[in-house]
């Protein structure tokens, strides 16, 4: 179950990088700074979540 969570968090990080690429928003260009802030927050939060899962798995006794 933890592996699916890690994959989901990794995909969220990729979505954060995709949001960083949406700088030229043709619908509402004034929202571009908002998307940049959200993208950076998503990347940082889910990167720390992946680190937490990694350390939790590393220091548990039931991993191979």
PDB file of N, CA and C in Angstrom:
ATOM      1  N   UNK A   1       0.824  -1.195   0.000  1.00  0.00           N
ATOM      2  CA  UNK A   1       0.000   0.000   0.000  1.00  0.00           C
ATOM      3  C   UNK A   1       0.871   1.264   0.000  1.00  0.00           C
ATOM      4  N   UNK A   2       2.005   1.209   0.702  1.00  0.00           N
ATOM      5  CA  UNK A   2       2.873   2.373   0.778  1.00  0.00           C
ATOM      6  C   UNK A   2       3.496   2.686  -0.580  1.00  0.00           C
ATOM      7  N   UNK A   3       3.690   1.638  -1.397  1.00  0.00           N
ATOM      8  CA  UNK A   3       4.278   1.875  -2.706  1.00  0.00           C
ATOM      9  C   UNK A   3       3.350   2.678  -3.600  1.00  0.00           C
ATOM     10  N   UNK A   4       2.052   2.423  -3.499  1.00  0.00           N
ATOM     11  CA  UNK A   4       1.093   3.192  -4.283  1.00  0.00           C
ATOM     12  C   UNK A   4       1.069   4.650  -3.838  1.00  0.00           C
ATOM     13  N   UNK A   5       1.211   4.879  -2.560  1.00  0.00           N
ATOM     14  CA  UNK A   5       1.264   6.245  -2.046  1.00  0.00           C
ATOM     15  C   UNK A   5       2.517   6.953  -2.556  1.00  0.00           C
ATOM     16  N   UNK A   6       3.638   6.259  -2.565  1.00  0.00           N
ATOM     17  CA  UNK A   6       4.883   6.850  -3.065  1.00  0.00           C
ATOM     18  C   UNK A   6       4.774   7.181  -4.547  1.00  0.00           C
ATOM     19  N   UNK A   7       4.148   6.306  -5.309  1.00  0.00           N
ATOM     20  CA  UNK A   7       3.960   6.575  -6.741  1.00  0.00           C
ATOM     21  C   UNK A   7       3.046   7.773  -6.932  1.00  0.00           C
ATOM     22  N   UNK A   8       1.988   7.856  -6.134  1.00  0.00           N
ATOM     23  CA  UNK A   8       1.077   8.992  -6.218  1.00  0.00           C
ATOM     24  C   UNK A   8       1.793  10.296  -5.878  1.00  0.00           C
ATOM     25  N   UNK A   9       2.620  10.294  -4.843  1.00  0.00           N
ATOM     26  CA  UNK A   9       3.371  11.492  -4.474  1.00  0.00           C
ATOM     27  C   UNK A   9       4.358  11.878  -5.568  1.00  0.00           C
ATOM     28  N   UNK A  10       4.998  10.883  -6.186  1.00  0.00           N
ATOM     29  CA  UNK A  10       5.927  11.164  -7.285  1.00  0.00           C
ATOM     30  C   UNK A  10       5.187  11.796  -8.459  1.00  0.00           C
ATOM     31  N   UNK A  11       4.002  11.285  -8.759  1.00  0.00           N
ATOM     32  CA  UNK A  11       3.211  11.866  -9.841  1.00  0.00           C
ATOM     33  C   UNK A  11       2.772  13.290  -9.499  1.00  0.00           C
ATOM     34  N   UNK A  12       2.510  13.561  -8.238  1.00  0.00           N
ATOM     35  CA  UNK A  12       2.164  14.922  -7.832  1.00  0.00           C
ATOM     36  C   UNK A  12       3.339  15.869  -8.046  1.00  0.00           C
ATOM     37  N   UNK A  13       4.551  15.386  -7.803  1.00  0.00           N
ATOM     38  CA  UNK A  13       5.732  16.206  -8.065  1.00  0.00           C
ATOM     39  C   UNK A  13       5.846  16.501  -9.558  1.00  0.00           C
ATOM     40  N   UNK A  14       5.567  15.504 -10.390  1.00  0.00           N
ATOM     41  CA  UNK A  14       5.602  15.734 -11.836  1.00  0.00           C
ATOM     42  C   UNK A  14       4.542  16.740 -12.263  1.00  0.00           C
ATOM     43  N   UNK A  15       3.379  16.692 -11.639  1.00  0.00           N
ATOM     44  CA  UNK A  15       2.333  17.675 -11.937  1.00  0.00           C
ATOM     45  C   UNK A  15       2.793  19.069 -11.521  1.00  0.00           C
ATOM     46  N   UNK A  16       3.523  19.162 -10.414  1.00  0.00           N
ATOM     47  CA  UNK A  16       4.078  20.452 -10.006  1.00  0.00           C
ATOM     48  C   UNK A  16       5.025  21.017 -11.043  1.00  0.00           C
ATOM     49  N   UNK A  17       5.876  20.152 -11.609  1.00  0.00           N
ATOM     50  CA  UNK A  17       6.769  20.622 -12.665  1.00  0.00           C
ATOM     51  C   UNK A  17       5.985  21.012 -13.912  1.00  0.00           C
ATOM     52  N   UNK A  18       4.907  20.303 -14.193  1.00  0.00           N
ATOM     53  CA  UNK A  18       4.071  20.673 -15.338  1.00  0.00           C
ATOM     54  C   UNK A  18       3.426  22.037 -15.109  1.00  0.00           C
ATOM     55  N   UNK A  19       3.020  22.311 -13.874  1.00  0.00           N
ATOM     56  CA  UNK A  19       2.444  23.620 -13.571  1.00  0.00           C
ATOM     57  C   UNK A  19       3.473  24.737 -13.744  1.00  0.00           C
ATOM     58  N   UNK A  20       4.729  24.443 -13.485  1.00  0.00           N
ATOM     59  CA  UNK A  20       5.766  25.450 -13.708  1.00  0.00           C
ATOM     60  C   UNK A  20       5.905  25.797 -15.186  1.00  0.00           C
ATOM     61  N   UNK A  21       5.595  24.848 -16.056  1.00  0.00           N
ATOM     62  CA  UNK A  21       5.698  25.087 -17.491  1.00  0.00           C
ATOM     63  C   UNK A  21       4.511  25.874 -18.037  1.00  0.00           C
ATOM     64  N   UNK A  22       3.455  26.040 -17.256  1.00  0.00           N
ATOM     65  CA  UNK A  22       2.257  26.757 -17.712  1.00  0.00           C
ATOM     66  C   UNK A  22       2.430  28.234 -17.382  1.00  0.00           C
ATOM     67  N   UNK A  23       3.443  28.842 -17.937  1.00  0.00           N
ATOM     68  CA  UNK A  23       3.677  30.261 -17.680  1.00  0.00           C
ATOM     69  C   UNK A  23       2.874  31.137 -18.631  1.00  0.00           C
ATOM     70  N   UNK A  24       2.731  30.708 -19.860  1.00  0.00           N
ATOM     71  CA  UNK A  24       1.993  31.498 -20.842  1.00  0.00           C
ATOM     72  C   UNK A  24       0.549  31.015 -20.877  1.00  0.00           C
ATOM     73  N   UNK A  25      -0.184  31.357 -19.875  1.00  0.00           N
ATOM     74  CA  UNK A  25      -1.584  30.966 -19.787  1.00  0.00           C
ATOM     75  C   UNK A  25      -2.400  31.928 -20.623  1.00  0.00           C
ATOM     76  N   UNK A  26      -2.985  31.445 -21.691  1.00  0.00           N
ATOM     77  CA  UNK A  26      -3.654  32.335 -22.626  1.00  0.00           C
ATOM     78  C   UNK A  26      -5.028  32.758 -22.143  1.00  0.00           C
ATOM     79  N   UNK A  27      -5.613  32.061 -21.180  1.00  0.00           N
ATOM     80  CA  UNK A  27      -6.946  32.433 -20.702  1.00  0.00           C
ATOM     81  C   UNK A  27      -6.850  33.610 -19.723  1.00  0.00           C
ATOM     82  N   UNK A  28      -6.078  33.436 -18.683  1.00  0.00           N
ATOM     83  CA  UNK A  28      -5.904  34.494 -17.677  1.00  0.00           C
ATOM     84  C   UNK A  28      -4.418  34.653 -17.372  1.00  0.00           C
ATOM     85  N   UNK A  29      -3.740  35.545 -18.065  1.00  0.00           N
ATOM     86  CA  UNK A  29      -2.299  35.699 -17.832  1.00  0.00           C
ATOM     87  C   UNK A  29      -1.965  36.227 -16.439  1.00  0.00           C
ATOM     88  N   UNK A  30      -2.923  36.826 -15.765  1.00  0.00           N
ATOM     89  CA  UNK A  30      -2.637  37.340 -14.427  1.00  0.00           C
ATOM     90  C   UNK A  30      -2.524  36.225 -13.394  1.00  0.00           C
ATOM     91  N   UNK A  31      -2.948  35.015 -13.739  1.00  0.00           N
ATOM     92  CA  UNK A  31      -2.856  33.888 -12.809  1.00  0.00           C
ATOM     93  C   UNK A  31      -1.528  33.142 -12.893  1.00  0.00           C
ATOM     94  N   UNK A  32      -0.648  33.527 -13.785  1.00  0.00           N
ATOM     95  CA  UNK A  32       0.628  32.836 -13.955  1.00  0.00           C
ATOM     96  C   UNK A  32       1.473  32.847 -12.680  1.00  0.00           C
ATOM     97  N   UNK A  33       1.601  33.963 -11.952  1.00  0.00           N
ATOM     98  CA  UNK A  33       2.365  33.917 -10.697  1.00  0.00           C
ATOM     99  C   UNK A  33       1.733  32.998  -9.654  1.00  0.00           C
ATOM    100  N   UNK A  34       0.416  32.934  -9.647  1.00  0.00           N
ATOM    101  CA  UNK A  34      -0.277  32.044  -8.712  1.00  0.00           C
ATOM    102  C   UNK A  34       0.071  30.588  -9.003  1.00  0.00           C
ATOM    103  N   UNK A  35       0.081  30.216 -10.298  1.00  0.00           N
ATOM    104  CA  UNK A  35       0.422  28.847 -10.662  1.00  0.00           C
ATOM    105  C   UNK A  35       1.870  28.522 -10.330  1.00  0.00           C
ATOM    106  N   UNK A  36       2.753  29.492 -10.446  1.00  0.00           N
ATOM    107  CA  UNK A  36       4.153  29.255 -10.087  1.00  0.00           C
ATOM    108  C   UNK A  36       4.295  28.990  -8.594  1.00  0.00           C
ATOM    109  N   UNK A  37       3.608  29.767  -7.777  1.00  0.00           N
ATOM    110  CA  UNK A  37       3.675  29.574  -6.330  1.00  0.00           C
ATOM    111  C   UNK A  37       3.092  28.225  -5.941  1.00  0.00           C
ATOM    112  N   UNK A  38       1.948  27.885  -6.515  1.00  0.00           N
ATOM    113  CA  UNK A  38       1.322  26.593  -6.219  1.00  0.00           C
ATOM    114  C   UNK A  38       2.215  25.446  -6.677  1.00  0.00           C
ATOM    115  N   UNK A  39       2.832  25.583  -7.839  1.00  0.00           N
ATOM    116  CA  UNK A  39       3.698  24.532  -8.360  1.00  0.00           C
ATOM    117  C   UNK A  39       4.898  24.295  -7.448  1.00  0.00           C
ATOM    118  N   UNK A  40       5.527  25.360  -7.000  1.00  0.00           N
ATOM    119  CA  UNK A  40       6.687  25.209  -6.112  1.00  0.00           C
ATOM    120  C   UNK A  40       6.263  24.583  -4.790  1.00  0.00           C
ATOM    121  N   UNK A  41       5.127  24.994  -4.252  1.00  0.00           N
ATOM    122  CA  UNK A  41       4.633  24.396  -3.003  1.00  0.00           C
ATOM    123  C   UNK A  41       4.325  22.916  -3.172  1.00  0.00           C
ATOM    124  N   UNK A  42       3.711  22.552  -4.284  1.00  0.00           N
ATOM    125  CA  UNK A  42       3.400  21.142  -4.537  1.00  0.00           C
ATOM    126  C   UNK A  42       4.676  20.323  -4.626  1.00  0.00           C
ATOM    127  N   UNK A  43       5.657  20.826  -5.339  1.00  0.00           N
ATOM    128  CA  UNK A  43       6.923  20.099  -5.495  1.00  0.00           C
ATOM    129  C   UNK A  43       7.599  19.909  -4.140  1.00  0.00           C
ATOM    130  N   UNK A  44       7.683  20.951  -3.358  1.00  0.00           N
ATOM    131  CA  UNK A  44       8.376  20.871  -2.069  1.00  0.00           C
ATOM    132  C   UNK A  44       7.634  19.969  -1.095  1.00  0.00           C
ATOM    133  N   UNK A  45       6.328  20.131  -0.992  1.00  0.00           N
ATOM    134  CA  UNK A  45       5.548  19.344  -0.030  1.00  0.00           C
ATOM    135  C   UNK A  45       5.616  17.860  -0.357  1.00  0.00           C
ATOM    136  N   UNK A  46       5.406  17.502  -1.617  1.00  0.00           N
ATOM    137  CA  UNK A  46       5.402  16.088  -1.962  1.00  0.00           C
ATOM    138  C   UNK A  46       6.804  15.495  -2.002  1.00  0.00           C
ATOM    139  N   UNK A  47       7.822  16.307  -2.229  1.00  0.00           N
ATOM    140  CA  UNK A  47       9.197  15.800  -2.134  1.00  0.00           C
ATOM    141  C   UNK A  47       9.510  15.437  -0.686  1.00  0.00           C
ATOM    142  N   UNK A  48       9.096  16.287   0.252  1.00  0.00           N
ATOM    143  CA  UNK A  48       9.302  15.951   1.661  1.00  0.00           C
ATOM    144  C   UNK A  48       8.468  14.747   2.082  1.00  0.00           C
ATOM    145  N   UNK A  49       7.278  14.601   1.516  1.00  0.00           N
ATOM    146  CA  UNK A  49       6.459  13.426   1.820  1.00  0.00           C
ATOM    147  C   UNK A  49       7.132  12.154   1.317  1.00  0.00           C
ATOM    148  N   UNK A  50       7.726  12.219   0.120  1.00  0.00           N
ATOM    149  CA  UNK A  50       8.460  11.057  -0.389  1.00  0.00           C
ATOM    150  C   UNK A  50       9.679  10.745   0.464  1.00  0.00           C
ATOM    151  N   UNK A  51      10.382  11.769   0.915  1.00  0.00           N
ATOM    152  CA  UNK A  51      11.517  11.546   1.814  1.00  0.00           C
ATOM    153  C   UNK A  51      11.068  10.893   3.112  1.00  0.00           C
ATOM    154  N   UNK A  52       9.942  11.327   3.644  1.00  0.00           N
ATOM    155  CA  UNK A  52       9.410  10.744   4.869  1.00  0.00           C
ATOM    156  C   UNK A  52       9.086   9.264   4.669  1.00  0.00           C
ATOM    157  N   UNK A  53       8.424   8.946   3.556  1.00  0.00           N
ATOM    158  CA  UNK A  53       8.093   7.545   3.283  1.00  0.00           C
ATOM    159  C   UNK A  53       9.374   6.727   3.097  1.00  0.00           C
ATOM    160  N   UNK A  54      10.362   7.309   2.423  1.00  0.00           N
ATOM    161  CA  UNK A  54      11.625   6.607   2.222  1.00  0.00           C
ATOM    162  C   UNK A  54      12.355   6.321   3.524  1.00  0.00           C
ATOM    163  N   UNK A  55      12.439   7.318   4.392  1.00  0.00           N
ATOM    164  CA  UNK A  55      13.109   7.102   5.674  1.00  0.00           C
ATOM    165  C   UNK A  55      12.310   6.159   6.564  1.00  0.00           C
ATOM    166  N   UNK A  56      11.013   6.256   6.505  1.00  0.00           N
ATOM    167  CA  UNK A  56      10.170   5.354   7.303  1.00  0.00           C
ATOM    168  C   UNK A  56      10.360   3.910   6.853  1.00  0.00           C
ATOM    169  N   UNK A  57      10.451   3.703   5.551  1.00  0.00           N
ATOM    170  CA  UNK A  57      10.684   2.361   5.031  1.00  0.00           C
ATOM    171  C   UNK A  57      12.106   1.890   5.335  1.00  0.00           C
ATOM    172  N   UNK A  58      13.062   2.791   5.231  1.00  0.00           N
ATOM    173  CA  UNK A  58      14.453   2.429   5.480  1.00  0.00           C
ATOM    174  C   UNK A  58      14.664   1.977   6.918  1.00  0.00           C
ATOM    175  N   UNK A  59      14.070   2.661   7.855  1.00  0.00           N
ATOM    176  CA  UNK A  59      14.296   2.346   9.262  1.00  0.00           C
ATOM    177  C   UNK A  59      13.289   1.357   9.835  1.00  0.00           C
ATOM    178  N   UNK A  60      12.347   0.887   9.029  1.00  0.00           N
ATOM    179  CA  UNK A  60      11.449  -0.149   9.515  1.00  0.00           C
ATOM    180  C   UNK A  60      12.131  -1.504   9.342  1.00  0.00           C
ATOM    181  N   UNK A  61      11.613  -2.499  10.002  1.00  0.00           N
ATOM    182  CA  UNK A  61      12.253  -3.808   9.957  1.00  0.00           C
ATOM    183  C   UNK A  61      11.627  -4.747   8.932  1.00  0.00           C
ATOM    184  N   UNK A  62      10.677  -4.270   8.137  1.00  0.00           N
ATOM    185  CA  UNK A  62       9.995  -5.181   7.230  1.00  0.00           C
ATOM    186  C   UNK A  62      10.234  -4.835   5.766  1.00  0.00           C
ATOM    187  N   UNK A  63      11.391  -4.324   5.422  1.00  0.00           N
ATOM    188  CA  UNK A  63      11.697  -4.057   4.023  1.00  0.00           C
ATOM    189  C   UNK A  63      12.802  -4.996   3.572  1.00  0.00           C
ATOM    190  N   UNK A  64      12.899  -5.177   2.289  1.00  0.00           N
ATOM    191  CA  UNK A  64      13.901  -6.108   1.738  1.00  0.00           C
ATOM    192  C   UNK A  64      15.094  -5.364   1.235  1.00  0.00           C
TER     193      UNK A  64
END
